[in-house]
Amino acid sequence: MKTYTHHGEFPLESGGSLKDITIAYHTYGTLSARADNVVWVCHALTANSDVADWWPGTVAPGRFLDPERYFIVCANILGSCYGSTGPLSVNPDTGEPYYRTFPRLTMRDVVAAHRILADALGIGRIHAIIGSSVGGFQAVEWAVAEPERFGRVALIATDAKASPWTIAIDETQRMAILADPTYALDRPDGGAAGLAAARAIGLLTYRGGSGYNITQQDATDDYTVPHRACTYQRYQGSKLVDRFDAYSYMAILDTFDTHNVGRGRGTLRDALARITAPTLVVGLGTDIIFTPGEMQTLASMIPGAEYRQIESPFGHDGFLVEADRLNEILHPFIEG
């Protein structure tokens, strides 16, 4: 992991600013002499900038993120806890971590940090930008804000605006965290039990019924043995607590809900019409967060966009699981 510090004020869309923000990032491969081989990856909710870690089977020779051909960049989003400025960072005005006082960010603030990093790395035009889920929020916002910067845009299991359904999912998770009284204590492990419950709630929407029914069937009919689905939920909740914190999770959920590329740009269709690069939109047949119908609508509003669909029983998480199928679709698109 590398870091870049942007000295001075970083203005926020909602007013106010952050000072001297740090942006954590990973790169793979070598930047060409003409700087024309950049593929920028935007990560999802609780992922980090190490794409090879959270997106297995994608960063490798012959794959759509081929480090022998491309200079691959991924930046950890502001508000996270993987190296970029977030709620556990020290507030320079107080000398103490922000915790609950961390300012409200918008998706445009996140993209503004990406733009700062790209400029600092000497990256002008980007051959392709790829974003899945919340990463897709970033990718479509950036493509609308700076359409001339991108040669290709790939949007996977995402949307151009946070829907009432996705906001409701986020609010339910916030309710779980706020129900944990330790969240108000402003300490690194504050809200841990609430975070575990929030993660368990989120997982229901990531996999859906088909994914759970395939992977979490009980091995025995003995009802006195804990159900596999129950132990899975608790394990996944604890697993996130071991690597994340409730304050960063809340900050990212709040940022998620601000996503609307149409804000201040006329209609949603007006905003998406700004995208000039060839665009590929990929939906997942069993995704209940960003449904195939919503993905098809997104594609229909981007000039010349192509829609492809992956049939997977693993719902929204299919973009993490179906690496081979995704490669079949994305590899030729990125190659052009």
C-alpha atoms as a PDB file:
ATOM      1  CA  MET A   1       0.000   0.000   0.000  1.00  0.00           C
ATOM      2  CA  LYS A   2       1.115   3.527  -0.822  1.00  0.00           C
ATOM      3  CA  THR A   3      -0.266   6.807   0.477  1.00  0.00           C
ATOM      4  CA  TYR A   4      -0.561  10.309  -0.890  1.00  0.00           C
ATOM      5  CA  THR A   5      -1.199  13.332   1.323  1.00  0.00           C
ATOM      6  CA  HIS A   6      -3.043  16.281  -0.143  1.00  0.00           C
ATOM      7  CA  HIS A   7      -1.911  19.255   1.899  1.00  0.00           C
ATOM      8  CA  GLY A   8      -4.313  22.063   2.673  1.00  0.00           C
ATOM      9  CA  GLU A   9      -8.089  22.221   2.677  1.00  0.00           C
ATOM     10  CA  PHE A  10     -10.197  19.596   0.937  1.00  0.00           C
ATOM     11  CA  PRO A  11     -13.607  21.260   0.449  1.00  0.00           C
ATOM     12  CA  LEU A  12     -16.693  19.130   0.932  1.00  0.00           C
ATOM     13  CA  GLU A  13     -19.861  19.300  -1.128  1.00  0.00           C
ATOM     14  CA  SER A  14     -21.971  19.839   1.980  1.00  0.00           C
ATOM     15  CA  GLY A  15     -19.797  22.727   3.194  1.00  0.00           C
ATOM     16  CA  GLY A  16     -16.766  22.754   5.453  1.00  0.00           C
ATOM     17  CA  SER A  17     -13.619  20.844   4.674  1.00  0.00           C
ATOM     18  CA  LEU A  18     -11.088  18.248   5.735  1.00  0.00           C
ATOM     19  CA  LYS A  19      -7.449  19.180   6.245  1.00  0.00           C
ATOM     20  CA  ASP A  20      -4.448  17.360   4.788  1.00  0.00           C
ATOM     21  CA  ILE A  21      -6.313  14.269   3.610  1.00  0.00           C
ATOM     22  CA  THR A  22      -4.456  11.008   3.129  1.00  0.00           C
ATOM     23  CA  ILE A  23      -5.374   8.718   0.233  1.00  0.00           C
ATOM     24  CA  ALA A  24      -4.223   5.107   0.367  1.00  0.00           C
ATOM     25  CA  TYR A  25      -3.818   3.271  -2.912  1.00  0.00           C
ATOM     26  CA  HIS A  26      -2.364   0.227  -4.652  1.00  0.00           C
ATOM     27  CA  THR A  27      -0.938  -0.051  -8.143  1.00  0.00           C
ATOM     28  CA  TYR A  28      -0.124  -3.101 -10.249  1.00  0.00           C
ATOM     29  CA  GLY A  29       1.926  -3.216 -13.428  1.00  0.00           C
ATOM     30  CA  THR A  30       3.905  -0.410 -15.049  1.00  0.00           C
ATOM     31  CA  LEU A  31       2.728   2.913 -16.387  1.00  0.00           C
ATOM     32  CA  SER A  32       3.559   3.139 -20.087  1.00  0.00           C
ATOM     33  CA  ALA A  33       5.763   5.905 -21.453  1.00  0.00           C
ATOM     34  CA  ARG A  34       2.670   7.560 -22.935  1.00  0.00           C
ATOM     35  CA  ALA A  35       0.654   6.966 -19.742  1.00  0.00           C
ATOM     36  CA  ASP A  36      -2.116   5.453 -21.863  1.00  0.00           C
ATOM     37  CA  ASN A  37      -2.548   2.059 -20.203  1.00  0.00           C
ATOM     38  CA  VAL A  38      -4.278   3.015 -16.941  1.00  0.00           C
ATOM     39  CA  VAL A  39      -7.187   0.943 -15.654  1.00  0.00           C
ATOM     40  CA  TRP A  40      -8.747   2.472 -12.561  1.00  0.00           C
ATOM     41  CA  VAL A  41     -10.722   0.186 -10.250  1.00  0.00           C
ATOM     42  CA  CYS A  42     -13.195   1.588  -7.737  1.00  0.00           C
ATOM     43  CA  HIS A  43     -13.818  -0.677  -4.754  1.00  0.00           C
ATOM     44  CA  ALA A  44     -17.030  -1.637  -2.974  1.00  0.00           C
ATOM     45  CA  LEU A  45     -18.352  -0.922   0.521  1.00  0.00           C
ATOM     46  CA  THR A  46     -15.865  -2.504   2.945  1.00  0.00           C
ATOM     47  CA  ALA A  47     -13.118  -3.454   0.499  1.00  0.00           C
ATOM     48  CA  ASN A  48      -9.693  -1.841   0.345  1.00  0.00           C
ATOM     49  CA  SER A  49      -7.315  -0.621  -2.327  1.00  0.00           C
ATOM     50  CA  ASP A  50      -5.701  -4.059  -2.759  1.00  0.00           C
ATOM     51  CA  VAL A  51      -7.808  -5.351  -5.632  1.00  0.00           C
ATOM     52  CA  ALA A  52      -5.980  -8.673  -5.791  1.00  0.00           C
ATOM     53  CA  ASP A  53      -7.021  -9.272  -2.172  1.00  0.00           C
ATOM     54  CA  TRP A  54     -10.773  -8.702  -2.436  1.00  0.00           C
ATOM     55  CA  TRP A  55     -11.400  -9.530  -6.130  1.00  0.00           C
ATOM     56  CA  PRO A  56      -9.747 -12.928  -6.608  1.00  0.00           C
ATOM     57  CA  GLY A  57      -9.106 -14.185 -10.102  1.00  0.00           C
ATOM     58  CA  THR A  58      -9.044 -10.736 -11.717  1.00  0.00           C
ATOM     59  CA  VAL A  59      -5.526  -9.310 -11.288  1.00  0.00           C
ATOM     60  CA  ALA A  60      -3.454 -11.766 -13.314  1.00  0.00           C
ATOM     61  CA  PRO A  61      -1.972 -12.248 -16.783  1.00  0.00           C
ATOM     62  CA  GLY A  62      -4.674 -12.942 -19.328  1.00  0.00           C
ATOM     63  CA  ARG A  63      -7.427 -11.483 -17.147  1.00  0.00           C
ATOM     64  CA  PHE A  64      -9.201  -8.174 -17.588  1.00  0.00           C
ATOM     65  CA  LEU A  65      -6.902  -6.658 -14.957  1.00  0.00           C
ATOM     66  CA  ASP A  66      -3.676  -7.833 -16.548  1.00  0.00           C
ATOM     67  CA  PRO A  67      -0.662  -6.215 -14.825  1.00  0.00           C
ATOM     68  CA  GLU A  68       1.546  -7.169 -17.768  1.00  0.00           C
ATOM     69  CA  ARG A  69      -0.534  -4.926 -20.039  1.00  0.00           C
ATOM     70  CA  TYR A  70      -2.090  -2.308 -17.790  1.00  0.00           C
ATOM     71  CA  PHE A  71      -1.199   0.032 -14.976  1.00  0.00           C
ATOM     72  CA  ILE A  72      -3.963  -0.760 -12.513  1.00  0.00           C
ATOM     73  CA  VAL A  73      -4.837   1.745  -9.802  1.00  0.00           C
ATOM     74  CA  CYS A  74      -7.269   1.444  -6.918  1.00  0.00           C
ATOM     75  CA  ALA A  75      -7.676   4.076  -4.186  1.00  0.00           C
ATOM     76  CA  ASN A  76      -9.193   3.448  -0.778  1.00  0.00           C
ATOM     77  CA  ILE A  77     -12.207   5.720  -0.386  1.00  0.00           C
ATOM     78  CA  LEU A  78     -12.356   8.555   2.121  1.00  0.00           C
ATOM     79  CA  GLY A  79     -14.269   7.513   5.223  1.00  0.00           C
ATOM     80  CA  SER A  80     -12.817   4.012   5.200  1.00  0.00           C
ATOM     81  CA  CYS A  81     -10.350   2.512   7.663  1.00  0.00           C
ATOM     82  CA  TYR A  82      -7.796   1.114   5.208  1.00  0.00           C
ATOM     83  CA  GLY A  83      -5.356   4.001   5.099  1.00  0.00           C
ATOM     84  CA  SER A  84      -7.374   6.914   3.731  1.00  0.00           C
ATOM     85  CA  THR A  85      -8.668   9.663   5.989  1.00  0.00           C
ATOM     86  CA  GLY A  86     -11.679   8.437   7.943  1.00  0.00           C
ATOM     87  CA  PRO A  87     -13.409   8.519  11.336  1.00  0.00           C
ATOM     88  CA  LEU A  88     -10.494   6.883  13.173  1.00  0.00           C
ATOM     89  CA  SER A  89      -8.026   9.392  11.729  1.00  0.00           C
ATOM     90  CA  VAL A  90      -6.800  12.184  13.994  1.00  0.00           C
ATOM     91  CA  ASN A  91      -8.625  15.484  13.610  1.00  0.00           C
ATOM     92  CA  PRO A  92      -5.795  18.040  13.295  1.00  0.00           C
ATOM     93  CA  ASP A  93      -7.949  20.638  15.075  1.00  0.00           C
ATOM     94  CA  THR A  94      -8.392  18.540  18.213  1.00  0.00           C
ATOM     95  CA  GLY A  95      -5.526  16.049  18.210  1.00  0.00           C
ATOM     96  CA  GLU A  96      -8.089  13.270  18.778  1.00  0.00           C
ATOM     97  CA  PRO A  97      -9.757  10.796  16.400  1.00  0.00           C
ATOM     98  CA  TYR A  98     -12.891  12.077  14.679  1.00  0.00           C
ATOM     99  CA  TYR A  99     -15.147   9.138  15.551  1.00  0.00           C
ATOM    100  CA  ARG A 100     -18.762  10.431  15.314  1.00  0.00           C
ATOM    101  CA  THR A 101     -17.664  13.977  14.445  1.00  0.00           C
ATOM    102  CA  PHE A 102     -16.285  12.901  11.083  1.00  0.00           C
ATOM    103  CA  PRO A 103     -18.016  15.127   8.511  1.00  0.00           C
ATOM    104  CA  ARG A 104     -20.687  13.848   6.169  1.00  0.00           C
ATOM    105  CA  LEU A 105     -19.176  12.976   2.804  1.00  0.00           C
ATOM    106  CA  THR A 106     -20.898  12.622  -0.535  1.00  0.00           C
ATOM    107  CA  MET A 107     -20.015  10.362  -3.407  1.00  0.00           C
ATOM    108  CA  ARG A 108     -18.748  13.455  -5.226  1.00  0.00           C
ATOM    109  CA  ASP A 109     -16.289  14.075  -2.391  1.00  0.00           C
ATOM    110  CA  VAL A 110     -15.002  10.523  -2.794  1.00  0.00           C
ATOM    111  CA  VAL A 111     -14.541  11.072  -6.529  1.00  0.00           C
ATOM    112  CA  ALA A 112     -12.868  14.440  -5.916  1.00  0.00           C
ATOM    113  CA  ALA A 113     -10.205  12.592  -3.913  1.00  0.00           C
ATOM    114  CA  HIS A 114      -9.736  10.114  -6.777  1.00  0.00           C
ATOM    115  CA  ARG A 115      -9.239  13.009  -9.160  1.00  0.00           C
ATOM    116  CA  ILE A 116      -6.621  14.563  -6.871  1.00  0.00           C
ATOM    117  CA  LEU A 117      -4.727  11.274  -6.687  1.00  0.00           C
ATOM    118  CA  ALA A 118      -4.865  10.717 -10.443  1.00  0.00           C
ATOM    119  CA  ASP A 119      -3.436  14.180 -11.060  1.00  0.00           C
ATOM    120  CA  ALA A 120      -0.732  13.623  -8.445  1.00  0.00           C
ATOM    121  CA  LEU A 121       0.287  10.370 -10.152  1.00  0.00           C
ATOM    122  CA  GLY A 122       0.566  12.145 -13.495  1.00  0.00           C
ATOM    123  CA  ILE A 123      -2.418  10.287 -14.894  1.00  0.00           C
ATOM    124  CA  GLY A 124      -4.482  12.221 -17.407  1.00  0.00           C
ATOM    125  CA  ARG A 125      -6.635  10.096 -19.659  1.00  0.00           C
ATOM    126  CA  ILE A 126      -7.661   6.761 -18.179  1.00  0.00           C
ATOM    127  CA  HIS A 127      -8.009   3.862 -20.592  1.00  0.00           C
ATOM    128  CA  ALA A 128     -10.808   2.270 -18.576  1.00  0.00           C
ATOM    129  CA  ILE A 129     -12.597   2.699 -15.270  1.00  0.00           C
ATOM    130  CA  ILE A 130     -14.285  -0.279 -13.610  1.00  0.00           C
ATOM    131  CA  GLY A 131     -16.612  -0.168 -10.632  1.00  0.00           C
ATOM    132  CA  SER A 132     -18.792  -2.768  -8.950  1.00  0.00           C
ATOM    133  CA  SER A 133     -21.521  -2.034  -6.398  1.00  0.00           C
ATOM    134  CA  VAL A 134     -20.486   1.098  -4.444  1.00  0.00           C
ATOM    135  CA  GLY A 135     -17.439   1.128  -6.711  1.00  0.00           C
ATOM    136  CA  GLY A 136     -19.869   1.572  -9.579  1.00  0.00           C
ATOM    137  CA  PHE A 137     -21.305   4.620  -7.825  1.00  0.00           C
ATOM    138  CA  GLN A 138     -17.839   6.157  -7.923  1.00  0.00           C
ATOM    139  CA  ALA A 139     -17.173   5.128 -11.515  1.00  0.00           C
ATOM    140  CA  VAL A 140     -20.409   6.534 -12.938  1.00  0.00           C
ATOM    141  CA  GLU A 141     -20.084   9.764 -10.927  1.00  0.00           C
ATOM    142  CA  TRP A 142     -16.530  10.268 -12.189  1.00  0.00           C
ATOM    143  CA  ALA A 143     -17.498   9.430 -15.776  1.00  0.00           C
ATOM    144  CA  VAL A 144     -20.261  12.056 -15.619  1.00  0.00           C
ATOM    145  CA  ALA A 145     -18.017  14.652 -13.953  1.00  0.00           C
ATOM    146  CA  GLU A 146     -15.084  14.195 -16.367  1.00  0.00           C
ATOM    147  CA  PRO A 147     -16.326  12.356 -19.459  1.00  0.00           C
ATOM    148  CA  GLU A 148     -13.270  13.331 -21.512  1.00  0.00           C
ATOM    149  CA  ARG A 149     -10.967  11.501 -19.113  1.00  0.00           C
ATOM    150  CA  PHE A 150     -12.120   7.978 -19.882  1.00  0.00           C
ATOM    151  CA  GLY A 151     -11.690   5.679 -22.841  1.00  0.00           C
ATOM    152  CA  ARG A 152     -14.045   2.993 -21.516  1.00  0.00           C
ATOM    153  CA  VAL A 153     -16.464   2.637 -18.602  1.00  0.00           C
ATOM    154  CA  ALA A 154     -17.542  -0.652 -17.012  1.00  0.00           C
ATOM    155  CA  LEU A 155     -20.349  -0.574 -14.442  1.00  0.00           C
ATOM    156  CA  ILE A 156     -21.162  -3.794 -12.597  1.00  0.00           C
ATOM    157  CA  ALA A 157     -24.113  -4.396 -10.250  1.00  0.00           C
ATOM    158  CA  THR A 158     -24.636  -0.716  -9.470  1.00  0.00           C
ATOM    159  CA  ASP A 159     -26.774   2.312 -10.320  1.00  0.00           C
ATOM    160  CA  ALA A 160     -26.681   6.029 -11.033  1.00  0.00           C
ATOM    161  CA  LYS A 161     -28.689   6.882  -7.920  1.00  0.00           C
ATOM    162  CA  ALA A 162     -29.226   5.290  -4.524  1.00  0.00           C
ATOM    163  CA  SER A 163     -32.768   3.927  -4.575  1.00  0.00           C
ATOM    164  CA  PRO A 164     -35.237   3.989  -1.656  1.00  0.00           C
ATOM    165  CA  TRP A 165     -34.696   0.227  -1.355  1.00  0.00           C
ATOM    166  CA  THR A 166     -30.925   0.496  -1.002  1.00  0.00           C
ATOM    167  CA  ILE A 167     -31.235   3.445   1.388  1.00  0.00           C
ATOM    168  CA  ALA A 168     -33.662   1.400   3.498  1.00  0.00           C
ATOM    169  CA  ILE A 169     -31.103  -1.420   3.664  1.00  0.00           C
ATOM    170  CA  ASP A 170     -28.511   1.078   4.872  1.00  0.00           C
ATOM    171  CA  GLU A 171     -30.857   2.588   7.446  1.00  0.00           C
ATOM    172  CA  THR A 172     -31.631  -0.843   8.886  1.00  0.00           C
ATOM    173  CA  GLN A 173     -27.921  -1.428   9.336  1.00  0.00           C
ATOM    174  CA  ARG A 174     -27.489   2.008  10.945  1.00  0.00           C
ATOM    175  CA  MET A 175     -30.289   1.160  13.369  1.00  0.00           C
ATOM    176  CA  ALA A 176     -28.401  -1.983  14.397  1.00  0.00           C
ATOM    177  CA  ILE A 177     -25.223  -0.029  15.087  1.00  0.00           C
ATOM    178  CA  LEU A 178     -27.001   2.765  16.977  1.00  0.00           C
ATOM    179  CA  ALA A 179     -28.747   0.154  19.142  1.00  0.00           C
ATOM    180  CA  ASP A 180     -25.315  -0.765  20.531  1.00  0.00           C
ATOM    181  CA  PRO A 181     -24.710   1.666  23.428  1.00  0.00           C
ATOM    182  CA  THR A 182     -20.930   1.362  23.072  1.00  0.00           C
ATOM    183  CA  TYR A 183     -21.102   3.232  19.768  1.00  0.00           C
ATOM    184  CA  ALA A 184     -21.564   6.475  21.750  1.00  0.00           C
ATOM    185  CA  LEU A 185     -18.323   5.887  23.677  1.00  0.00           C
ATOM    186  CA  ASP A 186     -16.087   6.987  20.779  1.00  0.00           C
ATOM    187  CA  ARG A 187     -13.447   4.313  21.093  1.00  0.00           C
ATOM    188  CA  PRO A 188     -11.903   2.056  18.418  1.00  0.00           C
ATOM    189  CA  ASP A 189     -14.126  -0.909  19.305  1.00  0.00           C
ATOM    190  CA  GLY A 190     -17.253   1.167  19.877  1.00  0.00           C
ATOM    191  CA  GLY A 191     -20.397  -0.298  18.339  1.00  0.00           C
ATOM    192  CA  ALA A 192     -18.744  -3.645  17.599  1.00  0.00           C
ATOM    193  CA  ALA A 193     -21.811  -5.746  18.403  1.00  0.00           C
ATOM    194  CA  GLY A 194     -23.975  -3.418  16.349  1.00  0.00           C
ATOM    195  CA  LEU A 195     -21.526  -3.642  13.460  1.00  0.00           C
ATOM    196  CA  ALA A 196     -21.670  -7.445  13.551  1.00  0.00           C
ATOM    197  CA  ALA A 197     -25.471  -7.310  13.394  1.00  0.00           C
ATOM    198  CA  ALA A 198     -25.365  -4.749  10.586  1.00  0.00           C
ATOM    199  CA  ARG A 199     -23.073  -6.987   8.573  1.00  0.00           C
ATOM    200  CA  ALA A 200     -25.413  -9.938   9.057  1.00  0.00           C
ATOM    201  CA  ILE A 201     -28.295  -7.820   7.766  1.00  0.00           C
ATOM    202  CA  GLY A 202     -26.285  -6.724   4.766  1.00  0.00           C
ATOM    203  CA  LEU A 203     -25.312 -10.275   3.888  1.00  0.00           C
ATOM    204  CA  LEU A 204     -28.955 -11.241   3.446  1.00  0.00           C
ATOM    205  CA  THR A 205     -29.183  -8.742   0.603  1.00  0.00           C
ATOM    206  CA  TYR A 206     -25.784  -9.617  -0.889  1.00  0.00           C
ATOM    207  CA  ARG A 207     -26.557 -13.308  -1.379  1.00  0.00           C
ATOM    208  CA  GLY A 208     -30.358 -13.533  -1.317  1.00  0.00           C
ATOM    209  CA  GLY A 209     -32.339 -16.699  -0.773  1.00  0.00           C
ATOM    210  CA  SER A 210     -30.825 -18.703  -3.612  1.00  0.00           C
ATOM    211  CA  GLY A 211     -27.268 -18.148  -2.404  1.00  0.00           C
ATOM    212  CA  TYR A 212     -28.068 -19.092   1.174  1.00  0.00           C
ATOM    213  CA  ASN A 213     -30.106 -22.134   0.200  1.00  0.00           C
ATOM    214  CA  ILE A 214     -27.192 -23.476  -1.839  1.00  0.00           C
ATOM    215  CA  THR A 215     -24.392 -22.863   0.655  1.00  0.00           C
ATOM    216  CA  GLN A 216     -25.972 -23.011   4.120  1.00  0.00           C
ATOM    217  CA  GLN A 217     -27.965 -26.241   4.174  1.00  0.00           C
ATOM    218  CA  ASP A 218     -27.669 -28.123   7.464  1.00  0.00           C
ATOM    219  CA  ALA A 219     -25.585 -31.295   7.352  1.00  0.00           C
ATOM    220  CA  THR A 220     -27.894 -33.048   9.814  1.00  0.00           C
ATOM    221  CA  ASP A 221     -31.568 -33.139  10.792  1.00  0.00           C
ATOM    222  CA  ASP A 222     -30.623 -32.843  14.462  1.00  0.00           C
ATOM    223  CA  TYR A 223     -32.424 -29.675  15.557  1.00  0.00           C
ATOM    224  CA  THR A 224     -30.296 -29.410  18.716  1.00  0.00           C
ATOM    225  CA  VAL A 225     -27.247 -28.637  16.595  1.00  0.00           C
ATOM    226  CA  PRO A 226     -26.889 -24.931  15.690  1.00  0.00           C
ATOM    227  CA  HIS A 227     -28.144 -24.240  12.191  1.00  0.00           C
ATOM    228  CA  ARG A 228     -25.388 -23.668   9.683  1.00  0.00           C
ATOM    229  CA  ALA A 229     -27.078 -20.451   8.536  1.00  0.00           C
ATOM    230  CA  CYS A 230     -26.994 -19.135  12.121  1.00  0.00           C
ATOM    231  CA  THR A 231     -23.311 -19.850  12.652  1.00  0.00           C
ATOM    232  CA  TYR A 232     -22.543 -18.347   9.255  1.00  0.00           C
ATOM    233  CA  GLN A 233     -24.257 -15.073  10.137  1.00  0.00           C
ATOM    234  CA  ARG A 234     -22.390 -14.811  13.431  1.00  0.00           C
ATOM    235  CA  TYR A 235     -19.074 -15.752  11.849  1.00  0.00           C
ATOM    236  CA  GLN A 236     -19.412 -13.158   9.107  1.00  0.00           C
ATOM    237  CA  GLY A 237     -20.377 -10.487  11.627  1.00  0.00           C
ATOM    238  CA  SER A 238     -17.332 -11.254  13.773  1.00  0.00           C
ATOM    239  CA  LYS A 239     -15.122 -11.410  10.704  1.00  0.00           C
ATOM    240  CA  LEU A 240     -16.019  -7.848   9.714  1.00  0.00           C
ATOM    241  CA  VAL A 241     -15.527  -6.585  13.287  1.00  0.00           C
ATOM    242  CA  ASP A 242     -11.995  -7.995  13.183  1.00  0.00           C
ATOM    243  CA  ARG A 243     -11.089  -5.832  10.183  1.00  0.00           C
ATOM    244  CA  PHE A 244     -13.394  -2.816  10.242  1.00  0.00           C
ATOM    245  CA  ASP A 245     -14.943  -0.343  12.674  1.00  0.00           C
ATOM    246  CA  ALA A 246     -18.473   0.884  13.225  1.00  0.00           C
ATOM    247  CA  TYR A 247     -17.657   4.575  12.702  1.00  0.00           C
ATOM    248  CA  SER A 248     -16.163   4.001   9.255  1.00  0.00           C
ATOM    249  CA  TYR A 249     -19.039   1.711   8.348  1.00  0.00           C
ATOM    250  CA  MET A 250     -21.553   4.393   9.301  1.00  0.00           C
ATOM    251  CA  ALA A 251     -19.621   7.031   7.355  1.00  0.00           C
ATOM    252  CA  ILE A 252     -19.632   4.912   4.192  1.00  0.00           C
ATOM    253  CA  LEU A 253     -23.336   4.048   4.511  1.00  0.00           C
ATOM    254  CA  ASP A 254     -24.107   7.758   4.823  1.00  0.00           C
ATOM    255  CA  THR A 255     -21.973   8.498   1.759  1.00  0.00           C
ATOM    256  CA  PHE A 256     -23.728   5.713  -0.169  1.00  0.00           C
ATOM    257  CA  ASP A 257     -27.096   7.378   0.382  1.00  0.00           C
ATOM    258  CA  THR A 258     -25.973  10.674  -1.184  1.00  0.00           C
ATOM    259  CA  HIS A 259     -25.336   9.055  -4.553  1.00  0.00           C
ATOM    260  CA  ASN A 260     -27.277  10.765  -7.347  1.00  0.00           C
ATOM    261  CA  VAL A 261     -25.448  11.747 -10.521  1.00  0.00           C
ATOM    262  CA  GLY A 262     -28.471  13.823 -11.525  1.00  0.00           C
ATOM    263  CA  ARG A 263     -28.215  16.184  -8.546  1.00  0.00           C
ATOM    264  CA  GLY A 264     -27.682  19.678  -9.915  1.00  0.00           C
ATOM    265  CA  ARG A 265     -27.336  18.368 -13.464  1.00  0.00           C
ATOM    266  CA  GLY A 266     -30.915  18.356 -14.645  1.00  0.00           C
ATOM    267  CA  THR A 267     -32.475  14.917 -14.839  1.00  0.00           C
ATOM    268  CA  LEU A 268     -30.720  11.611 -14.292  1.00  0.00           C
ATOM    269  CA  ARG A 269     -30.878  11.029 -18.029  1.00  0.00           C
ATOM    270  CA  ASP A 270     -29.343  14.460 -18.677  1.00  0.00           C
ATOM    271  CA  ALA A 271     -26.415  13.618 -16.420  1.00  0.00           C
ATOM    272  CA  LEU A 272     -25.802  10.179 -17.909  1.00  0.00           C
ATOM    273  CA  ALA A 273     -25.934  11.648 -21.405  1.00  0.00           C
ATOM    274  CA  ARG A 274     -22.641  13.335 -20.588  1.00  0.00           C
ATOM    275  CA  ILE A 275     -20.831   9.995 -20.744  1.00  0.00           C
ATOM    276  CA  THR A 276     -19.099   9.747 -24.103  1.00  0.00           C
ATOM    277  CA  ALA A 277     -16.935   6.649 -23.622  1.00  0.00           C
ATOM    278  CA  PRO A 278     -18.072   3.197 -24.735  1.00  0.00           C
ATOM    279  CA  THR A 279     -19.852   1.828 -21.689  1.00  0.00           C
ATOM    280  CA  LEU A 280     -20.569  -1.732 -20.573  1.00  0.00           C
ATOM    281  CA  VAL A 281     -23.218  -2.357 -17.916  1.00  0.00           C
ATOM    282  CA  VAL A 282     -23.216  -5.809 -16.303  1.00  0.00           C
ATOM    283  CA  GLY A 283     -26.130  -7.074 -14.227  1.00  0.00           C
ATOM    284  CA  LEU A 284     -26.591 -10.225 -12.169  1.00  0.00           C
ATOM    285  CA  GLY A 285     -29.718 -12.272 -12.671  1.00  0.00           C
ATOM    286  CA  THR A 286     -30.454 -12.877  -8.972  1.00  0.00           C
ATOM    287  CA  ASP A 287     -29.235  -9.543  -7.601  1.00  0.00           C
ATOM    288  CA  ILE A 288     -31.905  -8.117  -5.264  1.00  0.00           C
ATOM    289  CA  ILE A 289     -29.957  -4.917  -4.489  1.00  0.00           C
ATOM    290  CA  PHE A 290     -29.471  -3.723  -8.066  1.00  0.00           C
ATOM    291  CA  THR A 291     -31.949  -5.781 -10.030  1.00  0.00           C
ATOM    292  CA  PRO A 292     -31.495  -6.707 -13.696  1.00  0.00           C
ATOM    293  CA  GLY A 293     -34.355  -4.391 -14.609  1.00  0.00           C
ATOM    294  CA  GLU A 294     -32.653  -1.465 -12.914  1.00  0.00           C
ATOM    295  CA  MET A 295     -29.368  -2.303 -14.601  1.00  0.00           C
ATOM    296  CA  GLN A 296     -31.049  -2.413 -17.993  1.00  0.00           C
ATOM    297  CA  THR A 297     -32.616   0.976 -17.304  1.00  0.00           C
ATOM    298  CA  LEU A 298     -29.193   2.352 -16.379  1.00  0.00           C
ATOM    299  CA  ALA A 299     -27.748   1.074 -19.654  1.00  0.00           C
ATOM    300  CA  SER A 300     -30.633   2.572 -21.629  1.00  0.00           C
ATOM    301  CA  MET A 301     -29.834   6.064 -20.295  1.00  0.00           C
ATOM    302  CA  ILE A 302     -26.137   6.003 -21.248  1.00  0.00           C
ATOM    303  CA  PRO A 303     -25.578   6.750 -24.951  1.00  0.00           C
ATOM    304  CA  GLY A 304     -24.588   3.598 -26.812  1.00  0.00           C
ATOM    305  CA  ALA A 305     -24.128   1.495 -23.673  1.00  0.00           C
ATOM    306  CA  GLU A 306     -24.153  -2.289 -23.950  1.00  0.00           C
ATOM    307  CA  TYR A 307     -25.926  -4.451 -21.376  1.00  0.00           C
ATOM    308  CA  ARG A 308     -24.746  -7.940 -20.436  1.00  0.00           C
ATOM    309  CA  GLN A 309     -26.077 -10.238 -17.738  1.00  0.00           C
ATOM    310  CA  ILE A 310     -24.475 -12.986 -15.682  1.00  0.00           C
ATOM    311  CA  GLU A 311     -26.707 -15.753 -14.391  1.00  0.00           C
ATOM    312  CA  SER A 312     -25.464 -16.697 -10.948  1.00  0.00           C
ATOM    313  CA  PRO A 313     -27.261 -18.093  -7.893  1.00  0.00           C
ATOM    314  CA  PHE A 314     -25.145 -15.887  -5.628  1.00  0.00           C
ATOM    315  CA  GLY A 315     -27.051 -12.640  -6.026  1.00  0.00           C
ATOM    316  CA  HIS A 316     -25.191  -9.356  -5.712  1.00  0.00           C
ATOM    317  CA  ASP A 317     -22.080 -11.213  -4.555  1.00  0.00           C
ATOM    318  CA  GLY A 318     -21.955 -12.840  -7.965  1.00  0.00           C
ATOM    319  CA  PHE A 319     -19.569 -10.100  -9.097  1.00  0.00           C
ATOM    320  CA  LEU A 320     -17.071 -11.445  -6.545  1.00  0.00           C
ATOM    321  CA  VAL A 321     -17.770 -15.124  -7.170  1.00  0.00           C
ATOM    322  CA  GLU A 322     -18.155 -15.382 -10.944  1.00  0.00           C
ATOM    323  CA  ALA A 323     -14.651 -14.211 -11.915  1.00  0.00           C
ATOM    324  CA  ASP A 324     -14.402 -16.439 -14.989  1.00  0.00           C
ATOM    325  CA  ARG A 325     -17.741 -15.355 -16.414  1.00  0.00           C
ATOM    326  CA  LEU A 326     -16.936 -11.736 -15.668  1.00  0.00           C
ATOM    327  CA  ASN A 327     -13.599 -12.093 -17.409  1.00  0.00           C
ATOM    328  CA  GLU A 328     -15.295 -13.450 -20.540  1.00  0.00           C
ATOM    329  CA  ILE A 329     -17.329 -10.253 -20.699  1.00  0.00           C
ATOM    330  CA  LEU A 330     -14.844  -7.639 -19.501  1.00  0.00           C
ATOM    331  CA  HIS A 331     -11.603  -8.846 -21.090  1.00  0.00           C
ATOM    332  CA  PRO A 332     -12.611  -8.116 -24.701  1.00  0.00           C
ATOM    333  CA  PHE A 333     -14.289  -4.877 -23.652  1.00  0.00           C
ATOM    334  CA  ILE A 334     -11.194  -3.546 -21.895  1.00  0.00           C
ATOM    335  CA  GLU A 335      -9.000  -4.709 -24.758  1.00  0.00           C
ATOM    336  CA  GLY A 336     -11.227  -2.771 -27.130  1.00  0.00           C
END
